[in-house]
Amino acid sequence: MRNASAMLGLLAISAISAVGAAPAQAGYDYPVCLRVYGPATYNECTYTSMAQCKATASGRAAECYPNVFAAYPGPAPGGRAYRQRGAY
């Protein structure tokens, strides 16, 4: 009987681990940041456009700048790479 309960426990653990946790989805990479100056200087990288950021910065000691850490799309897959022929 003890052997059966151990097998049942092992079966339950393997079933739970087979389902597993879904991988976390990456958050949205916002391409524009706002730097606010003052007693507490801080950055907010939560803007989707420069115009949106500038509207928020209007009238404040703040400036907008591109987010250098945002993931920008790379070249389209399947594109051809062209090489310049060297003179021999």
PDB file of N, CA and C in Angstrom:
ATOM      1  N   MET A   1       0.816  -1.175   0.000  1.00  0.00           N
ATOM      2  CA  MET A   1       0.000   0.000   0.000  1.00  0.00           C
ATOM      3  C   MET A   1       0.873   1.258   0.000  1.00  0.00           C
ATOM      4  N   ARG A   2       1.945   1.182   0.750  1.00  0.00           N
ATOM      5  CA  ARG A   2       2.848   2.317   0.836  1.00  0.00           C
ATOM      6  C   ARG A   2       3.484   2.594  -0.521  1.00  0.00           C
ATOM      7  N   ASN A   3       3.779   1.559  -1.258  1.00  0.00           N
ATOM      8  CA  ASN A   3       4.386   1.681  -2.566  1.00  0.00           C
ATOM      9  C   ASN A   3       3.411   2.342  -3.546  1.00  0.00           C
ATOM     10  N   ALA A   4       2.124   2.038  -3.419  1.00  0.00           N
ATOM     11  CA  ALA A   4       1.107   2.611  -4.301  1.00  0.00           C
ATOM     12  C   ALA A   4       0.945   4.099  -4.051  1.00  0.00           C
ATOM     13  N   SER A   5       0.990   4.515  -2.776  1.00  0.00           N
ATOM     14  CA  SER A   5       0.842   5.942  -2.484  1.00  0.00           C
ATOM     15  C   SER A   5       2.070   6.724  -2.950  1.00  0.00           C
ATOM     16  N   ALA A   6       3.230   6.113  -2.879  1.00  0.00           N
ATOM     17  CA  ALA A   6       4.432   6.763  -3.380  1.00  0.00           C
ATOM     18  C   ALA A   6       4.364   6.927  -4.891  1.00  0.00           C
ATOM     19  N   MET A   7       3.860   5.901  -5.575  1.00  0.00           N
ATOM     20  CA  MET A   7       3.706   5.985  -7.029  1.00  0.00           C
ATOM     21  C   MET A   7       2.666   7.041  -7.404  1.00  0.00           C
ATOM     22  N   LEU A   8       1.591   7.129  -6.631  1.00  0.00           N
ATOM     23  CA  LEU A   8       0.549   8.118  -6.895  1.00  0.00           C
ATOM     24  C   LEU A   8       1.098   9.533  -6.690  1.00  0.00           C
ATOM     25  N   GLY A   9       1.890   9.727  -5.658  1.00  0.00           N
ATOM     26  CA  GLY A   9       2.518  11.033  -5.414  1.00  0.00           C
ATOM     27  C   GLY A   9       3.481  11.409  -6.520  1.00  0.00           C
ATOM     28  N   LEU A  10       4.264  10.433  -6.960  1.00  0.00           N
ATOM     29  CA  LEU A  10       5.209  10.670  -8.056  1.00  0.00           C
ATOM     30  C   LEU A  10       4.473  11.005  -9.344  1.00  0.00           C
ATOM     31  N   LEU A  11       3.371  10.323  -9.585  1.00  0.00           N
ATOM     32  CA  LEU A  11       2.557  10.581 -10.761  1.00  0.00           C
ATOM     33  C   LEU A  11       1.962  11.982 -10.704  1.00  0.00           C
ATOM     34  N   ALA A  12       1.513  12.410  -9.530  1.00  0.00           N
ATOM     35  CA  ALA A  12       0.938  13.749  -9.371  1.00  0.00           C
ATOM     36  C   ALA A  12       1.998  14.826  -9.612  1.00  0.00           C
ATOM     37  N   ILE A  13       3.184  14.629  -9.077  1.00  0.00           N
ATOM     38  CA  ILE A  13       4.267  15.597  -9.261  1.00  0.00           C
ATOM     39  C   ILE A  13       4.669  15.696 -10.724  1.00  0.00           C
ATOM     40  N   SER A  14       4.762  14.549 -11.396  1.00  0.00           N
ATOM     41  CA  SER A  14       5.153  14.590 -12.808  1.00  0.00           C
ATOM     42  C   SER A  14       4.063  15.226 -13.660  1.00  0.00           C
ATOM     43  N   ALA A  15       2.785  15.038 -13.315  1.00  0.00           N
ATOM     44  CA  ALA A  15       1.693  15.664 -14.067  1.00  0.00           C
ATOM     45  C   ALA A  15       1.713  17.175 -13.893  1.00  0.00           C
ATOM     46  N   ILE A  16       1.973  17.643 -12.685  1.00  0.00           N
ATOM     47  CA  ILE A  16       2.025  19.083 -12.423  1.00  0.00           C
ATOM     48  C   ILE A  16       3.210  19.714 -13.140  1.00  0.00           C
ATOM     49  N   SER A  17       4.353  19.039 -13.111  1.00  0.00           N
ATOM     50  CA  SER A  17       5.530  19.610 -13.765  1.00  0.00           C
ATOM     51  C   SER A  17       5.421  19.546 -15.284  1.00  0.00           C
ATOM     52  N   ALA A  18       4.644  18.615 -15.817  1.00  0.00           N
ATOM     53  CA  ALA A  18       4.458  18.539 -17.264  1.00  0.00           C
ATOM     54  C   ALA A  18       3.649  19.724 -17.763  1.00  0.00           C
ATOM     55  N   VAL A  19       2.683  20.178 -16.964  1.00  0.00           N
ATOM     56  CA  VAL A  19       1.892  21.344 -17.345  1.00  0.00           C
ATOM     57  C   VAL A  19       2.778  22.573 -17.308  1.00  0.00           C
ATOM     58  N   GLY A  20       3.513  22.741 -16.253  1.00  0.00           N
ATOM     59  CA  GLY A  20       4.480  23.823 -16.123  1.00  0.00           C
ATOM     60  C   GLY A  20       3.848  25.203 -16.161  1.00  0.00           C
ATOM     61  N   ALA A  21       4.679  26.180 -15.999  1.00  0.00           N
ATOM     62  CA  ALA A  21       4.226  27.559 -16.045  1.00  0.00           C
ATOM     63  C   ALA A  21       4.480  28.120 -17.439  1.00  0.00           C
ATOM     64  N   ALA A  22       3.568  28.930 -17.899  1.00  0.00           N
ATOM     65  CA  ALA A  22       3.745  29.575 -19.200  1.00  0.00           C
ATOM     66  C   ALA A  22       4.831  30.637 -19.056  1.00  0.00           C
ATOM     67  N   PRO A  23       5.670  30.806 -20.072  1.00  0.00           N
ATOM     68  CA  PRO A  23       6.709  31.828 -19.981  1.00  0.00           C
ATOM     69  C   PRO A  23       6.092  33.221 -19.911  1.00  0.00           C
ATOM     70  N   ALA A  24       6.697  34.076 -19.141  1.00  0.00           N
ATOM     71  CA  ALA A  24       6.189  35.431 -19.000  1.00  0.00           C
ATOM     72  C   ALA A  24       6.370  36.188 -20.304  1.00  0.00           C
ATOM     73  N   GLN A  25       5.379  36.974 -20.657  1.00  0.00           N
ATOM     74  CA  GLN A  25       5.492  37.779 -21.858  1.00  0.00           C
ATOM     75  C   GLN A  25       6.291  39.027 -21.539  1.00  0.00           C
ATOM     76  N   ALA A  26       7.108  39.419 -22.481  1.00  0.00           N
ATOM     77  CA  ALA A  26       7.912  40.611 -22.289  1.00  0.00           C
ATOM     78  C   ALA A  26       7.015  41.838 -22.319  1.00  0.00           C
ATOM     79  N   GLY A  27       7.356  42.821 -21.525  1.00  0.00           N
ATOM     80  CA  GLY A  27       6.596  44.060 -21.530  1.00  0.00           C
ATOM     81  C   GLY A  27       6.854  44.843 -22.803  1.00  0.00           C
ATOM     82  N   TYR A  28       6.069  45.854 -23.024  1.00  0.00           N
ATOM     83  CA  TYR A  28       6.211  46.686 -24.205  1.00  0.00           C
ATOM     84  C   TYR A  28       7.461  47.536 -24.064  1.00  0.00           C
ATOM     85  N   ASP A  29       8.254  47.602 -25.106  1.00  0.00           N
ATOM     86  CA  ASP A  29       9.434  48.471 -25.111  1.00  0.00           C
ATOM     87  C   ASP A  29       9.026  49.853 -25.583  1.00  0.00           C
ATOM     88  N   TYR A  30       9.022  50.801 -24.694  1.00  0.00           N
ATOM     89  CA  TYR A  30       8.639  52.163 -25.049  1.00  0.00           C
ATOM     90  C   TYR A  30       9.847  52.871 -25.660  1.00  0.00           C
ATOM     91  N   PRO A  31       9.698  53.444 -26.855  1.00  0.00           N
ATOM     92  CA  PRO A  31      10.841  54.023 -27.554  1.00  0.00           C
ATOM     93  C   PRO A  31      11.245  55.414 -27.100  1.00  0.00           C
ATOM     94  N   VAL A  32      10.460  56.065 -26.227  1.00  0.00           N
ATOM     95  CA  VAL A  32      10.770  57.435 -25.809  1.00  0.00           C
ATOM     96  C   VAL A  32      10.754  57.527 -24.290  1.00  0.00           C
ATOM     97  N   CYS A  33      11.735  58.265 -23.755  1.00  0.00           N
ATOM     98  CA  CYS A  33      11.835  58.469 -22.302  1.00  0.00           C
ATOM     99  C   CYS A  33      11.722  59.948 -21.973  1.00  0.00           C
ATOM    100  N   LEU A  34      11.309  60.223 -20.753  1.00  0.00           N
ATOM    101  CA  LEU A  34      11.213  61.582 -20.221  1.00  0.00           C
ATOM    102  C   LEU A  34      12.121  61.659 -19.004  1.00  0.00           C
ATOM    103  N   ARG A  35      12.988  62.676 -18.973  1.00  0.00           N
ATOM    104  CA  ARG A  35      13.848  62.911 -17.806  1.00  0.00           C
ATOM    105  C   ARG A  35      13.343  64.167 -17.126  1.00  0.00           C
ATOM    106  N   VAL A  36      12.927  64.036 -15.877  1.00  0.00           N
ATOM    107  CA  VAL A  36      12.394  65.147 -15.100  1.00  0.00           C
ATOM    108  C   VAL A  36      13.462  65.600 -14.114  1.00  0.00           C
ATOM    109  N   TYR A  37      13.738  66.902 -14.117  1.00  0.00           N
ATOM    110  CA  TYR A  37      14.763  67.475 -13.234  1.00  0.00           C
ATOM    111  C   TYR A  37      14.103  68.138 -12.040  1.00  0.00           C
ATOM    112  N   GLY A  38      14.750  68.085 -10.902  1.00  0.00           N
ATOM    113  CA  GLY A  38      14.245  68.712  -9.689  1.00  0.00           C
ATOM    114  C   GLY A  38      14.914  68.087  -8.479  1.00  0.00           C
ATOM    115  N   PRO A  39      14.312  68.274  -7.305  1.00  0.00           N
ATOM    116  CA  PRO A  39      14.886  67.670  -6.097  1.00  0.00           C
ATOM    117  C   PRO A  39      14.984  66.150  -6.222  1.00  0.00           C
ATOM    118  N   ALA A  40      14.029  65.572  -6.917  1.00  0.00           N
ATOM    119  CA  ALA A  40      14.065  64.127  -7.187  1.00  0.00           C
ATOM    120  C   ALA A  40      14.100  63.960  -8.706  1.00  0.00           C
ATOM    121  N   THR A  41      15.291  63.880  -9.275  1.00  0.00           N
ATOM    122  CA  THR A  41      15.428  63.702 -10.717  1.00  0.00           C
ATOM    123  C   THR A  41      15.191  62.240 -11.055  1.00  0.00           C
ATOM    124  N   TYR A  42      14.362  62.009 -12.082  1.00  0.00           N
ATOM    125  CA  TYR A  42      14.038  60.629 -12.445  1.00  0.00           C
ATOM    126  C   TYR A  42      13.732  60.527 -13.933  1.00  0.00           C
ATOM    127  N   ASN A  43      13.720  59.294 -14.432  1.00  0.00           N
ATOM    128  CA  ASN A  43      13.405  58.994 -15.824  1.00  0.00           C
ATOM    129  C   ASN A  43      12.123  58.183 -15.884  1.00  0.00           C
ATOM    130  N   GLU A  44      11.329  58.447 -16.914  1.00  0.00           N
ATOM    131  CA  GLU A  44      10.133  57.660 -17.199  1.00  0.00           C
ATOM    132  C   GLU A  44      10.218  57.201 -18.644  1.00  0.00           C
ATOM    133  N   CYS A  45      10.350  55.935 -18.875  1.00  0.00           N
ATOM    134  CA  CYS A  45      10.384  55.400 -20.237  1.00  0.00           C
ATOM    135  C   CYS A  45       9.056  54.714 -20.515  1.00  0.00           C
ATOM    136  N   THR A  46       7.997  55.534 -20.634  1.00  0.00           N
ATOM    137  CA  THR A  46       6.652  54.997 -20.817  1.00  0.00           C
ATOM    138  C   THR A  46       5.898  55.702 -21.931  1.00  0.00           C
ATOM    139  N   TYR A  47       6.610  56.210 -22.940  1.00  0.00           N
ATOM    140  CA  TYR A  47       5.962  56.974 -24.001  1.00  0.00           C
ATOM    141  C   TYR A  47       6.158  56.278 -25.345  1.00  0.00           C
ATOM    142  N   THR A  48       5.093  56.311 -26.157  1.00  0.00           N
ATOM    143  CA  THR A  48       5.141  55.636 -27.452  1.00  0.00           C
ATOM    144  C   THR A  48       5.572  56.557 -28.578  1.00  0.00           C
ATOM    145  N   SER A  49       5.550  57.885 -28.354  1.00  0.00           N
ATOM    146  CA  SER A  49       5.991  58.819 -29.390  1.00  0.00           C
ATOM    147  C   SER A  49       6.643  60.025 -28.734  1.00  0.00           C
ATOM    148  N   MET A  50       7.434  60.738 -29.532  1.00  0.00           N
ATOM    149  CA  MET A  50       8.097  61.938 -29.025  1.00  0.00           C
ATOM    150  C   MET A  50       7.058  63.022 -28.736  1.00  0.00           C
ATOM    151  N   ALA A  51       6.001  63.100 -29.559  1.00  0.00           N
ATOM    152  CA  ALA A  51       4.955  64.103 -29.346  1.00  0.00           C
ATOM    153  C   ALA A  51       4.227  63.860 -28.019  1.00  0.00           C
ATOM    154  N   GLN A  52       3.960  62.615 -27.708  1.00  0.00           N
ATOM    155  CA  GLN A  52       3.299  62.278 -26.448  1.00  0.00           C
ATOM    156  C   GLN A  52       4.179  62.687 -25.269  1.00  0.00           C
ATOM    157  N   CYS A  53       5.456  62.439 -25.371  1.00  0.00           N
ATOM    158  CA  CYS A  53       6.388  62.794 -24.292  1.00  0.00           C
ATOM    159  C   CYS A  53       6.491  64.309 -24.142  1.00  0.00           C
ATOM    160  N   LYS A  54       6.597  65.021 -25.279  1.00  0.00           N
ATOM    161  CA  LYS A  54       6.724  66.487 -25.215  1.00  0.00           C
ATOM    162  C   LYS A  54       5.469  67.131 -24.637  1.00  0.00           C
ATOM    163  N   ALA A  55       4.309  66.549 -24.870  1.00  0.00           N
ATOM    164  CA  ALA A  55       3.084  67.081 -24.274  1.00  0.00           C
ATOM    165  C   ALA A  55       3.124  66.936 -22.756  1.00  0.00           C
ATOM    166  N   THR A  56       3.684  65.845 -22.276  1.00  0.00           N
ATOM    167  CA  THR A  56       3.812  65.634 -20.832  1.00  0.00           C
ATOM    168  C   THR A  56       4.879  66.552 -20.234  1.00  0.00           C
ATOM    169  N   ALA A  57       5.949  66.807 -20.982  1.00  0.00           N
ATOM    170  CA  ALA A  57       7.049  67.624 -20.483  1.00  0.00           C
ATOM    171  C   ALA A  57       6.747  69.118 -20.534  1.00  0.00           C
ATOM    172  N   SER A  58       5.712  69.500 -21.245  1.00  0.00           N
ATOM    173  CA  SER A  58       5.389  70.914 -21.428  1.00  0.00           C
ATOM    174  C   SER A  58       5.169  71.616 -20.086  1.00  0.00           C
ATOM    175  N   GLY A  59       5.899  72.715 -19.875  1.00  0.00           N
ATOM    176  CA  GLY A  59       5.755  73.496 -18.652  1.00  0.00           C
ATOM    177  C   GLY A  59       6.506  72.950 -17.466  1.00  0.00           C
ATOM    178  N   ARG A  60       7.294  71.920 -17.662  1.00  0.00           N
ATOM    179  CA  ARG A  60       8.054  71.314 -16.569  1.00  0.00           C
ATOM    180  C   ARG A  60       9.544  71.377 -16.884  1.00  0.00           C
ATOM    181  N   ALA A  61      10.355  71.209 -15.878  1.00  0.00           N
ATOM    182  CA  ALA A  61      11.800  71.090 -16.076  1.00  0.00           C
ATOM    183  C   ALA A  61      12.081  69.656 -16.482  1.00  0.00           C
ATOM    184  N   ALA A  62      11.852  69.369 -17.766  1.00  0.00           N
ATOM    185  CA  ALA A  62      11.972  67.998 -18.247  1.00  0.00           C
ATOM    186  C   ALA A  62      12.376  68.011 -19.719  1.00  0.00           C
ATOM    187  N   GLU A  63      12.911  66.892 -20.170  1.00  0.00           N
ATOM    188  CA  GLU A  63      13.264  66.736 -21.582  1.00  0.00           C
ATOM    189  C   GLU A  63      12.980  65.314 -22.030  1.00  0.00           C
ATOM    190  N   CYS A  64      12.715  65.168 -23.331  1.00  0.00           N
ATOM    191  CA  CYS A  64      12.437  63.856 -23.916  1.00  0.00           C
ATOM    192  C   CYS A  64      13.658  63.385 -24.697  1.00  0.00           C
ATOM    193  N   TYR A  65      13.884  62.089 -24.709  1.00  0.00           N
ATOM    194  CA  TYR A  65      14.998  61.523 -25.460  1.00  0.00           C
ATOM    195  C   TYR A  65      14.652  60.101 -25.885  1.00  0.00           C
ATOM    196  N   PRO A  66      15.275  59.621 -26.980  1.00  0.00           N
ATOM    197  CA  PRO A  66      14.996  58.249 -27.424  1.00  0.00           C
ATOM    198  C   PRO A  66      15.522  57.229 -26.425  1.00  0.00           C
ATOM    199  N   ASN A  67      14.772  56.174 -26.227  1.00  0.00           N
ATOM    200  CA  ASN A  67      15.167  55.099 -25.325  1.00  0.00           C
ATOM    201  C   ASN A  67      16.171  54.205 -26.047  1.00  0.00           C
ATOM    202  N   VAL A  68      17.417  54.245 -25.647  1.00  0.00           N
ATOM    203  CA  VAL A  68      18.458  53.458 -26.323  1.00  0.00           C
ATOM    204  C   VAL A  68      18.371  51.978 -25.985  1.00  0.00           C
ATOM    205  N   PHE A  69      17.594  51.636 -24.960  1.00  0.00           N
ATOM    206  CA  PHE A  69      17.476  50.237 -24.569  1.00  0.00           C
ATOM    207  C   PHE A  69      16.247  49.560 -25.159  1.00  0.00           C
ATOM    208  N   ALA A  70      15.422  50.305 -25.875  1.00  0.00           N
ATOM    209  CA  ALA A  70      14.228  49.717 -26.490  1.00  0.00           C
ATOM    210  C   ALA A  70      14.654  48.797 -27.623  1.00  0.00           C
ATOM    211  N   ALA A  71      13.910  47.728 -27.793  1.00  0.00           N
ATOM    212  CA  ALA A  71      14.216  46.766 -28.858  1.00  0.00           C
ATOM    213  C   ALA A  71      13.567  47.250 -30.151  1.00  0.00           C
ATOM    214  N   TYR A  72      14.382  47.735 -31.061  1.00  0.00           N
ATOM    215  CA  TYR A  72      13.886  48.196 -32.349  1.00  0.00           C
ATOM    216  C   TYR A  72      13.896  47.030 -33.318  1.00  0.00           C
ATOM    217  N   PRO A  73      12.942  46.999 -34.246  1.00  0.00           N
ATOM    218  CA  PRO A  73      12.887  45.874 -35.183  1.00  0.00           C
ATOM    219  C   PRO A  73      14.122  45.845 -36.073  1.00  0.00           C
ATOM    220  N   GLY A  74      14.590  44.663 -36.311  1.00  0.00           N
ATOM    221  CA  GLY A  74      15.757  44.484 -37.166  1.00  0.00           C
ATOM    222  C   GLY A  74      15.342  44.379 -38.617  1.00  0.00           C
ATOM    223  N   PRO A  75      16.258  43.999 -39.469  1.00  0.00           N
ATOM    224  CA  PRO A  75      15.920  43.855 -40.883  1.00  0.00           C
ATOM    225  C   PRO A  75      14.926  42.715 -41.089  1.00  0.00           C
ATOM    226  N   ALA A  76      14.167  42.824 -42.152  1.00  0.00           N
ATOM    227  CA  ALA A  76      13.167  41.796 -42.452  1.00  0.00           C
ATOM    228  C   ALA A  76      13.852  40.478 -42.772  1.00  0.00           C
ATOM    229  N   PRO A  77      13.310  39.360 -42.290  1.00  0.00           N
ATOM    230  CA  PRO A  77      13.924  38.069 -42.597  1.00  0.00           C
ATOM    231  C   PRO A  77      13.795  37.758 -44.089  1.00  0.00           C
ATOM    232  N   GLY A  78      14.797  37.109 -44.609  1.00  0.00           N
ATOM    233  CA  GLY A  78      14.778  36.725 -46.017  1.00  0.00           C
ATOM    234  C   GLY A  78      15.318  37.793 -46.936  1.00  0.00           C
ATOM    235  N   GLY A  79      15.746  38.897 -46.362  1.00  0.00           N
ATOM    236  CA  GLY A  79      16.322  39.958 -47.190  1.00  0.00           C
ATOM    237  C   GLY A  79      17.678  39.533 -47.724  1.00  0.00           C
ATOM    238  N   ARG A  80      18.035  40.063 -48.872  1.00  0.00           N
ATOM    239  CA  ARG A  80      19.321  39.707 -49.469  1.00  0.00           C
ATOM    240  C   ARG A  80      20.406  40.623 -48.956  1.00  0.00           C
ATOM    241  N   ALA A  81      21.534  40.055 -48.700  1.00  0.00           N
ATOM    242  CA  ALA A  81      22.706  40.824 -48.310  1.00  0.00           C
ATOM    243  C   ALA A  81      23.567  41.019 -49.557  1.00  0.00           C
ATOM    244  N   TYR A  82      23.864  42.254 -49.860  1.00  0.00           N
ATOM    245  CA  TYR A  82      24.669  42.551 -51.038  1.00  0.00           C
ATOM    246  C   TYR A  82      26.085  42.866 -50.617  1.00  0.00           C
ATOM    247  N   ARG A  83      26.997  42.275 -51.326  1.00  0.00           N
ATOM    248  CA  ARG A  83      28.418  42.527 -51.067  1.00  0.00           C
ATOM    249  C   ARG A  83      28.997  43.291 -52.229  1.00  0.00           C
ATOM    250  N   GLN A  84      29.896  44.171 -51.925  1.00  0.00           N
ATOM    251  CA  GLN A  84      30.597  44.882 -52.999  1.00  0.00           C
ATOM    252  C   GLN A  84      31.767  44.019 -53.416  1.00  0.00           C
ATOM    253  N   ARG A  85      31.898  43.845 -54.683  1.00  0.00           N
ATOM    254  CA  ARG A  85      33.005  43.014 -55.180  1.00  0.00           C
ATOM    255  C   ARG A  85      34.322  43.766 -55.032  1.00  0.00           C
ATOM    256  N   GLY A  86      35.296  43.036 -54.560  1.00  0.00           N
ATOM    257  CA  GLY A  86      36.611  43.646 -54.421  1.00  0.00           C
ATOM    258  C   GLY A  86      37.358  43.620 -55.755  1.00  0.00           C
ATOM    259  N   ALA A  87      38.236  44.550 -55.949  1.00  0.00           N
ATOM    260  CA  ALA A  87      39.035  44.591 -57.171  1.00  0.00           C
ATOM    261  C   ALA A  87      40.212  43.658 -56.996  1.00  0.00           C
ATOM    262  N   TYR A  88      40.346  42.723 -57.929  1.00  0.00           N
ATOM    263  CA  TYR A  88      41.432  41.754 -57.834  1.00  0.00           C
ATOM    264  C   TYR A  88      42.467  42.019 -58.863  1.00  0.00           C
TER     265      TYR A  88
END
